[in-house]
């Protein structure tokens, strides 16, 4: 089953899949239509665009997640015009069996598209190589500020405001040694171990302001 609001692409996919020997019992123009069709007769696999009417935001993604929850035996291939890491991560958090995420450009490469469908139908996954590359880049360049504890972030915020250690201690009702310990942890987590004390304070503030 398909869900794609572009009539040209939808009909093109139906023709392609039919010519390759697949049966396409339903081809919807929106996510709601796809869900009704799946509920009436669950297929082996659905192909759905992320951005669908009426808002063209994440209707297709939400439909894909619902299908995975309600009909776990149905394979799901999500198509996206552009790489959207948040949506890809959201889709993949439920597991990587019978699931696919491809950029629409990949559909033009017919053999790769058909191979992705076969892999999903067989119980595997088919994730666009560009999506994988970007997700790996994101995971290896994680925002270091996310590693800070609430106290460390509060100390860094006060530092960014220009407070001295003593003023930070007074403002946050901490001991001076607790502030110094928190700042040491901040410098370590931001990778500023080898800079001088004063430069580390400036660099830490810059990291904070850039976040």
Foldseek 3Di string as FASTA:
>chain_A
DEEDQPPVVQVVVCVLQVVVPDDDPDHHNFLVVVLVVCVVPNDQEYEYEQQGPDVRHGRRLVSLVVCCVPPVRYAYAYEYQDQDLVSVCVSPVVHFWSYEYYYPVVVVVVVLVVVQNVQSSVTGYYYYPVNVVVVVVCVVCPLLVVVADPVLVLLLVVLLVPDDLVVSCVVVVHDSVVSVVSLVVLCVSVVNVPDDPVVSSVVSSVSVVVD
